[in-house]
């Protein structure tokens, strides 16, 4: 499954600042059972808007991680929150089908 959210960077902070915080928090979160990696993408034409994608083997694994308070992760997030607006876009199942071009 994928957990996807949008991040809008506020003035005085940069996408690179957020990416640094994202990487530090992700390194800790990725130690949780079921964590399968993360991605951070800039929006085309809007460099201060990002989409963040966290991959998990299941919603249950992600929920289990969320239920275990990690003070280091909480501190990283708390320090970044004043400088950005984070809007969850949702939790998505892995695709039932994938269409790839044939060559």
PDB file of N, CA and C in Angstrom:
ATOM      1  N   UNK A   1       0.839  -1.174   0.000  1.00  0.00           N
ATOM      2  CA  UNK A   1       0.000   0.000   0.000  1.00  0.00           C
ATOM      3  C   UNK A   1       0.876   1.225   0.000  1.00  0.00           C
ATOM      4  N   UNK A   2       0.270   2.324  -0.356  1.00  0.00           N
ATOM      5  CA  UNK A   2       0.988   3.590  -0.410  1.00  0.00           C
ATOM      6  C   UNK A   2       0.252   4.627   0.435  1.00  0.00           C
ATOM      7  N   UNK A   3       1.017   5.378   1.211  1.00  0.00           N
ATOM      8  CA  UNK A   3       0.483   6.502   1.961  1.00  0.00           C
ATOM      9  C   UNK A   3       1.030   7.742   1.271  1.00  0.00           C
ATOM     10  N   UNK A   4       0.132   8.608   0.781  1.00  0.00           N
ATOM     11  CA  UNK A   4       0.548   9.736  -0.052  1.00  0.00           C
ATOM     12  C   UNK A   4       0.071  11.044   0.576  1.00  0.00           C
ATOM     13  N   UNK A   5       0.965  12.033   0.593  1.00  0.00           N
ATOM     14  CA  UNK A   5       0.566  13.347   1.075  1.00  0.00           C
ATOM     15  C   UNK A   5       1.296  14.435   0.299  1.00  0.00           C
ATOM     16  N   UNK A   6       0.707  15.616   0.335  1.00  0.00           N
ATOM     17  CA  UNK A   6       1.258  16.790  -0.329  1.00  0.00           C
ATOM     18  C   UNK A   6       1.909  17.681   0.716  1.00  0.00           C
ATOM     19  N   UNK A   7       3.052  18.263   0.355  1.00  0.00           N
ATOM     20  CA  UNK A   7       3.772  19.166   1.243  1.00  0.00           C
ATOM     21  C   UNK A   7       3.955  20.491   0.508  1.00  0.00           C
ATOM     22  N   UNK A   8       3.500  21.572   1.125  1.00  0.00           N
ATOM     23  CA  UNK A   8       3.712  22.916   0.571  1.00  0.00           C
ATOM     24  C   UNK A   8       4.695  23.633   1.493  1.00  0.00           C
ATOM     25  N   UNK A   9       5.806  24.050   0.910  1.00  0.00           N
ATOM     26  CA  UNK A   9       6.869  24.698   1.664  1.00  0.00           C
ATOM     27  C   UNK A   9       6.535  26.184   1.830  1.00  0.00           C
ATOM     28  N   UNK A  10       6.687  26.694   3.052  1.00  0.00           N
ATOM     29  CA  UNK A  10       6.432  28.103   3.330  1.00  0.00           C
ATOM     30  C   UNK A  10       7.696  28.930   3.103  1.00  0.00           C
ATOM     31  N   UNK A  11       7.493  30.240   2.944  1.00  0.00           N
ATOM     32  CA  UNK A  11       8.618  31.173   2.741  1.00  0.00           C
ATOM     33  C   UNK A  11       9.619  31.042   3.882  1.00  0.00           C
ATOM     34  N   UNK A  12      10.887  31.133   3.529  1.00  0.00           N
ATOM     35  CA  UNK A  12      11.941  31.039   4.526  1.00  0.00           C
ATOM     36  C   UNK A  12      12.455  29.631   4.735  1.00  0.00           C
ATOM     37  N   UNK A  13      11.892  28.679   4.033  1.00  0.00           N
ATOM     38  CA  UNK A  13      12.279  27.263   4.134  1.00  0.00           C
ATOM     39  C   UNK A  13      12.403  26.785   2.696  1.00  0.00           C
ATOM     40  N   UNK A  14      13.130  25.751   2.467  1.00  0.00           N
ATOM     41  CA  UNK A  14      13.284  25.253   1.102  1.00  0.00           C
ATOM     42  C   UNK A  14      12.875  23.793   1.016  1.00  0.00           C
ATOM     43  N   UNK A  15      12.628  23.348  -0.196  1.00  0.00           N
ATOM     44  CA  UNK A  15      12.331  21.928  -0.416  1.00  0.00           C
ATOM     45  C   UNK A  15      13.504  21.072   0.049  1.00  0.00           C
ATOM     46  N   UNK A  16      14.721  21.584  -0.113  1.00  0.00           N
ATOM     47  CA  UNK A  16      15.900  20.842   0.336  1.00  0.00           C
ATOM     48  C   UNK A  16      15.929  20.718   1.860  1.00  0.00           C
ATOM     49  N   UNK A  17      15.484  21.771   2.569  1.00  0.00           N
ATOM     50  CA  UNK A  17      15.379  21.695   4.028  1.00  0.00           C
ATOM     51  C   UNK A  17      14.395  20.598   4.421  1.00  0.00           C
ATOM     52  N   UNK A  18      13.238  20.592   3.750  1.00  0.00           N
ATOM     53  CA  UNK A  18      12.239  19.571   4.054  1.00  0.00           C
ATOM     54  C   UNK A  18      12.769  18.187   3.705  1.00  0.00           C
ATOM     55  N   UNK A  19      13.450  18.065   2.569  1.00  0.00           N
ATOM     56  CA  UNK A  19      13.990  16.770   2.156  1.00  0.00           C
ATOM     57  C   UNK A  19      14.975  16.243   3.192  1.00  0.00           C
ATOM     58  N   UNK A  20      15.755  17.125   3.792  1.00  0.00           N
ATOM     59  CA  UNK A  20      16.681  16.704   4.834  1.00  0.00           C
ATOM     60  C   UNK A  20      15.915  16.112   6.020  1.00  0.00           C
ATOM     61  N   UNK A  21      14.882  16.807   6.460  1.00  0.00           N
ATOM     62  CA  UNK A  21      14.058  16.299   7.562  1.00  0.00           C
ATOM     63  C   UNK A  21      13.377  14.989   7.164  1.00  0.00           C
ATOM     64  N   UNK A  22      12.875  14.936   5.929  1.00  0.00           N
ATOM     65  CA  UNK A  22      12.206  13.731   5.410  1.00  0.00           C
ATOM     66  C   UNK A  22      13.153  12.531   5.467  1.00  0.00           C
ATOM     67  N   UNK A  23      14.384  12.736   5.011  1.00  0.00           N
ATOM     68  CA  UNK A  23      15.355  11.640   4.991  1.00  0.00           C
ATOM     69  C   UNK A  23      15.685  11.164   6.412  1.00  0.00           C
ATOM     70  N   UNK A  24      15.877  12.103   7.334  1.00  0.00           N
ATOM     71  CA  UNK A  24      16.196  11.715   8.712  1.00  0.00           C
ATOM     72  C   UNK A  24      15.053  10.951   9.356  1.00  0.00           C
ATOM     73  N   UNK A  25      13.824  11.426   9.166  1.00  0.00           N
ATOM     74  CA  UNK A  25      12.672  10.718   9.725  1.00  0.00           C
ATOM     75  C   UNK A  25      12.468   9.376   9.027  1.00  0.00           C
ATOM     76  N   UNK A  26      12.616   9.355   7.709  1.00  0.00           N
ATOM     77  CA  UNK A  26      12.412   8.121   6.952  1.00  0.00           C
ATOM     78  C   UNK A  26      13.408   7.036   7.344  1.00  0.00           C
ATOM     79  N   UNK A  27      14.660   7.428   7.609  1.00  0.00           N
ATOM     80  CA  UNK A  27      15.647   6.433   8.024  1.00  0.00           C
ATOM     81  C   UNK A  27      15.195   5.704   9.283  1.00  0.00           C
ATOM     82  N   UNK A  28      14.551   6.413  10.189  1.00  0.00           N
ATOM     83  CA  UNK A  28      14.050   5.793  11.415  1.00  0.00           C
ATOM     84  C   UNK A  28      12.780   4.989  11.146  1.00  0.00           C
ATOM     85  N   UNK A  29      11.855   5.570  10.393  1.00  0.00           N
ATOM     86  CA  UNK A  29      10.581   4.906  10.102  1.00  0.00           C
ATOM     87  C   UNK A  29      10.805   3.625   9.306  1.00  0.00           C
ATOM     88  N   UNK A  30      11.781   3.628   8.408  1.00  0.00           N
ATOM     89  CA  UNK A  30      12.024   2.463   7.561  1.00  0.00           C
ATOM     90  C   UNK A  30      12.549   1.257   8.334  1.00  0.00           C
ATOM     91  N   UNK A  31      12.854   1.418   9.592  1.00  0.00           N
ATOM     92  CA  UNK A  31      13.252   0.277  10.441  1.00  0.00           C
ATOM     93  C   UNK A  31      12.049  -0.537  10.894  1.00  0.00           C
ATOM     94  N   UNK A  32      10.852   0.020  10.734  1.00  0.00           N
ATOM     95  CA  UNK A  32       9.636  -0.667  11.170  1.00  0.00           C
ATOM     96  C   UNK A  32       9.324  -1.851  10.253  1.00  0.00           C
ATOM     97  N   UNK A  33       8.801  -2.923  10.822  1.00  0.00           N
ATOM     98  CA  UNK A  33       8.408  -4.061   9.985  1.00  0.00           C
ATOM     99  C   UNK A  33       7.380  -3.625   8.943  1.00  0.00           C
ATOM    100  N   UNK A  34       7.582  -4.034   7.700  1.00  0.00           N
ATOM    101  CA  UNK A  34       6.640  -3.738   6.627  1.00  0.00           C
ATOM    102  C   UNK A  34       6.941  -2.479   5.840  1.00  0.00           C
ATOM    103  N   UNK A  35       7.891  -1.659   6.306  1.00  0.00           N
ATOM    104  CA  UNK A  35       8.255  -0.443   5.580  1.00  0.00           C
ATOM    105  C   UNK A  35       9.018  -0.832   4.315  1.00  0.00           C
ATOM    106  N   UNK A  36       8.621  -0.243   3.185  1.00  0.00           N
ATOM    107  CA  UNK A  36       9.205  -0.620   1.891  1.00  0.00           C
ATOM    108  C   UNK A  36       9.830   0.549   1.136  1.00  0.00           C
ATOM    109  N   UNK A  37      10.050   1.674   1.799  1.00  0.00           N
ATOM    110  CA  UNK A  37      10.710   2.785   1.135  1.00  0.00           C
ATOM    111  C   UNK A  37       9.828   4.011   1.012  1.00  0.00           C
ATOM    112  N   UNK A  38      10.466   5.118   0.645  1.00  0.00           N
ATOM    113  CA  UNK A  38       9.770   6.387   0.502  1.00  0.00           C
ATOM    114  C   UNK A  38      10.257   7.103  -0.745  1.00  0.00           C
ATOM    115  N   UNK A  39       9.441   8.037  -1.215  1.00  0.00           N
ATOM    116  CA  UNK A  39       9.785   8.882  -2.361  1.00  0.00           C
ATOM    117  C   UNK A  39       9.302  10.291  -2.067  1.00  0.00           C
ATOM    118  N   UNK A  40      10.032  11.254  -2.605  1.00  0.00           N
ATOM    119  CA  UNK A  40       9.653  12.658  -2.479  1.00  0.00           C
ATOM    120  C   UNK A  40       9.835  13.277  -3.860  1.00  0.00           C
ATOM    121  N   UNK A  41       8.774  13.894  -4.390  1.00  0.00           N
ATOM    122  CA  UNK A  41       8.797  14.457  -5.744  1.00  0.00           C
ATOM    123  C   UNK A  41       8.396  15.925  -5.712  1.00  0.00           C
ATOM    124  N   UNK A  42       9.062  16.744  -6.537  1.00  0.00           N
ATOM    125  CA  UNK A  42       8.644  18.141  -6.713  1.00  0.00           C
ATOM    126  C   UNK A  42       7.528  18.192  -7.760  1.00  0.00           C
ATOM    127  N   UNK A  43       6.600  19.122  -7.556  1.00  0.00           N
ATOM    128  CA  UNK A  43       5.552  19.358  -8.541  1.00  0.00           C
ATOM    129  C   UNK A  43       6.126  20.197  -9.681  1.00  0.00           C
ATOM    130  N   UNK A  44       5.861  19.803 -10.897  1.00  0.00           N
ATOM    131  CA  UNK A  44       6.358  20.524 -12.062  1.00  0.00           C
ATOM    132  C   UNK A  44       5.770  21.938 -12.055  1.00  0.00           C
ATOM    133  N   UNK A  45       6.639  22.926 -12.180  1.00  0.00           N
ATOM    134  CA  UNK A  45       6.208  24.316 -12.213  1.00  0.00           C
ATOM    135  C   UNK A  45       5.953  24.925 -10.846  1.00  0.00           C
ATOM    136  N   UNK A  46       5.990  24.123  -9.790  1.00  0.00           N
ATOM    137  CA  UNK A  46       5.783  24.612  -8.423  1.00  0.00           C
ATOM    138  C   UNK A  46       6.833  23.971  -7.516  1.00  0.00           C
ATOM    139  N   UNK A  47       8.062  24.473  -7.531  1.00  0.00           N
ATOM    140  CA  UNK A  47       9.149  23.817  -6.802  1.00  0.00           C
ATOM    141  C   UNK A  47       8.980  23.773  -5.290  1.00  0.00           C
ATOM    142  N   UNK A  48       8.041  24.554  -4.749  1.00  0.00           N
ATOM    143  CA  UNK A  48       7.799  24.520  -3.310  1.00  0.00           C
ATOM    144  C   UNK A  48       6.623  23.610  -2.937  1.00  0.00           C
ATOM    145  N   UNK A  49       6.155  22.829  -3.905  1.00  0.00           N
ATOM    146  CA  UNK A  49       5.119  21.842  -3.631  1.00  0.00           C
ATOM    147  C   UNK A  49       5.695  20.462  -3.932  1.00  0.00           C
ATOM    148  N   UNK A  50       5.540  19.576  -2.965  1.00  0.00           N
ATOM    149  CA  UNK A  50       6.082  18.225  -3.079  1.00  0.00           C
ATOM    150  C   UNK A  50       4.973  17.208  -2.886  1.00  0.00           C
ATOM    151  N   UNK A  51       5.174  16.025  -3.435  1.00  0.00           N
ATOM    152  CA  UNK A  51       4.316  14.897  -3.112  1.00  0.00           C
ATOM    153  C   UNK A  51       5.219  13.855  -2.461  1.00  0.00           C
ATOM    154  N   UNK A  52       4.759  13.334  -1.360  1.00  0.00           N
ATOM    155  CA  UNK A  52       5.519  12.342  -0.607  1.00  0.00           C
ATOM    156  C   UNK A  52       4.759  11.022  -0.647  1.00  0.00           C
ATOM    157  N   UNK A  53       5.500   9.951  -0.889  1.00  0.00           N
ATOM    158  CA  UNK A  53       4.896   8.625  -0.993  1.00  0.00           C
ATOM    159  C   UNK A  53       5.676   7.680  -0.087  1.00  0.00           C
ATOM    160  N   UNK A  54       4.970   7.039   0.817  1.00  0.00           N
ATOM    161  CA  UNK A  54       5.571   6.016   1.680  1.00  0.00           C
ATOM    162  C   UNK A  54       4.969   4.670   1.278  1.00  0.00           C
ATOM    163  N   UNK A  55       5.828   3.707   1.022  1.00  0.00           N
ATOM    164  CA  UNK A  55       5.395   2.364   0.604  1.00  0.00           C
ATOM    165  C   UNK A  55       5.441   1.418   1.807  1.00  0.00           C
ATOM    166  N   UNK A  56       4.377   0.642   1.965  1.00  0.00           N
ATOM    167  CA  UNK A  56       4.271  -0.327   3.058  1.00  0.00           C
ATOM    168  C   UNK A  56       3.757  -1.649   2.510  1.00  0.00           C
ATOM    169  N   UNK A  57       4.071  -2.729   3.191  1.00  0.00           N
ATOM    170  CA  UNK A  57       3.564  -4.027   2.744  1.00  0.00           C
ATOM    171  C   UNK A  57       2.069  -4.173   3.029  1.00  0.00           C
ATOM    172  N   UNK A  58       1.560  -3.410   4.010  1.00  0.00           N
ATOM    173  CA  UNK A  58       0.129  -3.458   4.325  1.00  0.00           C
ATOM    174  C   UNK A  58      -0.255  -2.257   5.184  1.00  0.00           C
ATOM    175  N   UNK A  59      -1.541  -1.960   5.212  1.00  0.00           N
ATOM    176  CA  UNK A  59      -2.044  -0.894   6.079  1.00  0.00           C
ATOM    177  C   UNK A  59      -1.815  -1.270   7.541  1.00  0.00           C
ATOM    178  N   UNK A  60      -1.948  -2.532   7.858  1.00  0.00           N
ATOM    179  CA  UNK A  60      -1.734  -2.983   9.241  1.00  0.00           C
ATOM    180  C   UNK A  60      -0.308  -2.680   9.703  1.00  0.00           C
ATOM    181  N   UNK A  61       0.682  -2.863   8.830  1.00  0.00           N
ATOM    182  CA  UNK A  61       2.071  -2.557   9.195  1.00  0.00           C
ATOM    183  C   UNK A  61       2.254  -1.067   9.444  1.00  0.00           C
ATOM    184  N   UNK A  62       1.661  -0.260   8.582  1.00  0.00           N
ATOM    185  CA  UNK A  62       1.783   1.184   8.771  1.00  0.00           C
ATOM    186  C   UNK A  62       1.084   1.624  10.052  1.00  0.00           C
ATOM    187  N   UNK A  63      -0.111   1.097  10.288  1.00  0.00           N
ATOM    188  CA  UNK A  63      -0.841   1.427  11.511  1.00  0.00           C
ATOM    189  C   UNK A  63      -0.061   1.003  12.754  1.00  0.00           C
ATOM    190  N   UNK A  64       0.607  -0.149  12.681  1.00  0.00           N
ATOM    191  CA  UNK A  64       1.404  -0.626  13.813  1.00  0.00           C
ATOM    192  C   UNK A  64       2.558   0.336  14.089  1.00  0.00           C
ATOM    193  N   UNK A  65       3.208   0.802  13.035  1.00  0.00           N
ATOM    194  CA  UNK A  65       4.296   1.766  13.206  1.00  0.00           C
ATOM    195  C   UNK A  65       3.767   3.046  13.849  1.00  0.00           C
ATOM    196  N   UNK A  66       2.631   3.526  13.363  1.00  0.00           N
ATOM    197  CA  UNK A  66       2.047   4.766  13.899  1.00  0.00           C
ATOM    198  C   UNK A  66       1.686   4.614  15.374  1.00  0.00           C
ATOM    199  N   UNK A  67       1.314   3.417  15.803  1.00  0.00           N
ATOM    200  CA  UNK A  67       0.898   3.217  17.191  1.00  0.00           C
ATOM    201  C   UNK A  67       2.087   3.180  18.153  1.00  0.00           C
ATOM    202  N   UNK A  68       3.292   3.043  17.621  1.00  0.00           N
ATOM    203  CA  UNK A  68       4.515   3.017  18.436  1.00  0.00           C
ATOM    204  C   UNK A  68       5.161   4.397  18.388  1.00  0.00           C
ATOM    205  N   UNK A  69       4.972   5.184  19.439  1.00  0.00           N
ATOM    206  CA  UNK A  69       5.527   6.541  19.456  1.00  0.00           C
ATOM    207  C   UNK A  69       7.051   6.487  19.417  1.00  0.00           C
ATOM    208  N   UNK A  70       7.623   7.194  18.446  1.00  0.00           N
ATOM    209  CA  UNK A  70       9.073   7.316  18.348  1.00  0.00           C
ATOM    210  C   UNK A  70       9.415   8.782  18.601  1.00  0.00           C
ATOM    211  N   UNK A  71      10.010   9.089  19.754  1.00  0.00           N
ATOM    212  CA  UNK A  71      10.274  10.499  20.084  1.00  0.00           C
ATOM    213  C   UNK A  71      11.225  11.182  19.106  1.00  0.00           C
ATOM    214  N   UNK A  72      12.143  10.428  18.498  1.00  0.00           N
ATOM    215  CA  UNK A  72      13.069  11.035  17.537  1.00  0.00           C
ATOM    216  C   UNK A  72      12.336  11.451  16.268  1.00  0.00           C
ATOM    217  N   UNK A  73      11.445  10.593  15.775  1.00  0.00           N
ATOM    218  CA  UNK A  73      10.646  10.931  14.594  1.00  0.00           C
ATOM    219  C   UNK A  73       9.732  12.109  14.917  1.00  0.00           C
ATOM    220  N   UNK A  74       9.089  12.064  16.073  1.00  0.00           N
ATOM    221  CA  UNK A  74       8.184  13.151  16.477  1.00  0.00           C
ATOM    222  C   UNK A  74       8.930  14.480  16.546  1.00  0.00           C
ATOM    223  N   UNK A  75      10.166  14.471  17.044  1.00  0.00           N
ATOM    224  CA  UNK A  75      10.959  15.700  17.145  1.00  0.00           C
ATOM    225  C   UNK A  75      11.304  16.244  15.756  1.00  0.00           C
ATOM    226  N   UNK A  76      11.696  15.380  14.838  1.00  0.00           N
ATOM    227  CA  UNK A  76      12.016  15.813  13.472  1.00  0.00           C
ATOM    228  C   UNK A  76      10.793  16.448  12.821  1.00  0.00           C
ATOM    229  N   UNK A  77       9.653  15.795  12.956  1.00  0.00           N
ATOM    230  CA  UNK A  77       8.418  16.312  12.350  1.00  0.00           C
ATOM    231  C   UNK A  77       8.003  17.623  13.012  1.00  0.00           C
ATOM    232  N   UNK A  78       8.082  17.680  14.328  1.00  0.00           N
ATOM    233  CA  UNK A  78       7.696  18.894  15.064  1.00  0.00           C
ATOM    234  C   UNK A  78       8.520  20.101  14.618  1.00  0.00           C
ATOM    235  N   UNK A  79       9.804  19.893  14.346  1.00  0.00           N
ATOM    236  CA  UNK A  79      10.671  20.990  13.922  1.00  0.00           C
ATOM    237  C   UNK A  79      10.360  21.452  12.495  1.00  0.00           C
ATOM    238  N   UNK A  80       9.866  20.560  11.639  1.00  0.00           N
ATOM    239  CA  UNK A  80       9.574  20.912  10.240  1.00  0.00           C
ATOM    240  C   UNK A  80       8.189  21.524  10.072  1.00  0.00           C
ATOM    241  N   UNK A  81       7.238  21.147  10.924  1.00  0.00           N
ATOM    242  CA  UNK A  81       5.836  21.554  10.756  1.00  0.00           C
ATOM    243  C   UNK A  81       5.632  23.072  10.632  1.00  0.00           C
ATOM    244  N   UNK A  82       6.328  23.917  11.378  1.00  0.00           N
ATOM    245  CA  UNK A  82       6.086  25.358  11.216  1.00  0.00           C
ATOM    246  C   UNK A  82       6.454  25.898   9.833  1.00  0.00           C
ATOM    247  N   UNK A  83       7.232  25.152   9.088  1.00  0.00           N
ATOM    248  CA  UNK A  83       7.747  25.633   7.811  1.00  0.00           C
ATOM    249  C   UNK A  83       7.052  25.039   6.594  1.00  0.00           C
ATOM    250  N   UNK A  84       6.032  24.231   6.840  1.00  0.00           N
ATOM    251  CA  UNK A  84       5.344  23.618   5.705  1.00  0.00           C
ATOM    252  C   UNK A  84       3.914  23.251   6.091  1.00  0.00           C
ATOM    253  N   UNK A  85       3.119  23.071   5.069  1.00  0.00           N
ATOM    254  CA  UNK A  85       1.742  22.612   5.246  1.00  0.00           C
ATOM    255  C   UNK A  85       1.677  21.203   4.673  1.00  0.00           C
ATOM    256  N   UNK A  86       1.246  20.254   5.495  1.00  0.00           N
ATOM    257  CA  UNK A  86       1.189  18.860   5.067  1.00  0.00           C
ATOM    258  C   UNK A  86      -0.277  18.449   4.977  1.00  0.00           C
ATOM    259  N   UNK A  87      -0.659  17.964   3.793  1.00  0.00           N
ATOM    260  CA  UNK A  87      -2.043  17.561   3.557  1.00  0.00           C
ATOM    261  C   UNK A  87      -2.073  16.107   3.103  1.00  0.00           C
ATOM    262  N   UNK A  88      -2.601  15.207   3.952  1.00  0.00           N
ATOM    263  CA  UNK A  88      -2.705  13.816   3.526  1.00  0.00           C
ATOM    264  C   UNK A  88      -3.638  13.693   2.311  1.00  0.00           C
ATOM    265  N   UNK A  89      -3.197  12.944   1.327  1.00  0.00           N
ATOM    266  CA  UNK A  89      -4.025  12.674   0.145  1.00  0.00           C
ATOM    267  C   UNK A  89      -4.700  11.316   0.252  1.00  0.00           C
ATOM    268  N   UNK A  90      -4.158  10.446   1.093  1.00  0.00           N
ATOM    269  CA  UNK A  90      -4.832   9.189   1.339  1.00  0.00           C
ATOM    270  C   UNK A  90      -3.922   7.985   1.370  1.00  0.00           C
ATOM    271  N   UNK A  91      -4.557   6.870   1.662  1.00  0.00           N
ATOM    272  CA  UNK A  91      -3.904   5.569   1.686  1.00  0.00           C
ATOM    273  C   UNK A  91      -4.453   4.778   0.506  1.00  0.00           C
ATOM    274  N   UNK A  92      -3.558   4.205  -0.269  1.00  0.00           N
ATOM    275  CA  UNK A  92      -3.954   3.542  -1.502  1.00  0.00           C
ATOM    276  C   UNK A  92      -3.424   2.110  -1.536  1.00  0.00           C
ATOM    277  N   UNK A  93      -4.270   1.201  -1.978  1.00  0.00           N
ATOM    278  CA  UNK A  93      -3.839  -0.180  -2.190  1.00  0.00           C
ATOM    279  C   UNK A  93      -2.874  -0.221  -3.360  1.00  0.00           C
ATOM    280  N   UNK A  94      -2.008  -1.217  -3.369  1.00  0.00           N
ATOM    281  CA  UNK A  94      -1.180  -1.427  -4.556  1.00  0.00           C
ATOM    282  C   UNK A  94      -2.103  -1.743  -5.719  1.00  0.00           C
ATOM    283  N   UNK A  95      -1.686  -1.438  -6.940  1.00  0.00           N
ATOM    284  CA  UNK A  95      -2.574  -1.613  -8.084  1.00  0.00           C
ATOM    285  C   UNK A  95      -2.935  -3.074  -8.318  1.00  0.00           C
ATOM    286  N   UNK A  96      -4.175  -3.266  -8.726  1.00  0.00           N
ATOM    287  CA  UNK A  96      -4.621  -4.615  -9.084  1.00  0.00           C
ATOM    288  C   UNK A  96      -4.082  -5.005 -10.444  1.00  0.00           C
ATOM    289  N   UNK A  97      -3.752  -3.991 -11.237  1.00  0.00           N
ATOM    290  CA  UNK A  97      -3.169  -4.252 -12.551  1.00  0.00           C
ATOM    291  C   UNK A  97      -2.240  -3.111 -12.889  1.00  0.00           C
ATOM    292  N   UNK A  98      -1.271  -3.393 -13.735  1.00  0.00           N
ATOM    293  CA  UNK A  98      -0.336  -2.398 -14.222  1.00  0.00           C
ATOM    294  C   UNK A  98      -0.270  -2.554 -15.735  1.00  0.00           C
ATOM    295  N   UNK A  99      -0.395  -1.455 -16.448  1.00  0.00           N
ATOM    296  CA  UNK A  99      -0.302  -1.488 -17.896  1.00  0.00           C
ATOM    297  C   UNK A  99       1.040  -0.876 -18.287  1.00  0.00           C
ATOM    298  N   UNK A 100       1.882  -1.660 -18.897  1.00  0.00           N
ATOM    299  CA  UNK A 100       3.190  -1.198 -19.360  1.00  0.00           C
ATOM    300  C   UNK A 100       3.195  -1.231 -20.887  1.00  0.00           C
ATOM    301  N   UNK A 101       3.844  -0.253 -21.485  1.00  0.00           N
ATOM    302  CA  UNK A 101       3.924  -0.275 -22.954  1.00  0.00           C
ATOM    303  C   UNK A 101       4.749  -1.474 -23.430  1.00  0.00           C
ATOM    304  N   UNK A 102       4.343  -2.005 -24.538  1.00  0.00           N
ATOM    305  CA  UNK A 102       5.123  -3.101 -25.113  1.00  0.00           C
ATOM    306  C   UNK A 102       6.030  -2.545 -26.181  1.00  0.00           C
ATOM    307  N   UNK A 103       7.152  -3.174 -26.371  1.00  0.00           N
ATOM    308  CA  UNK A 103       8.080  -2.645 -27.354  1.00  0.00           C
ATOM    309  C   UNK A 103       8.468  -3.691 -28.297  1.00  0.00           C
TER     310      UNK A 103
END
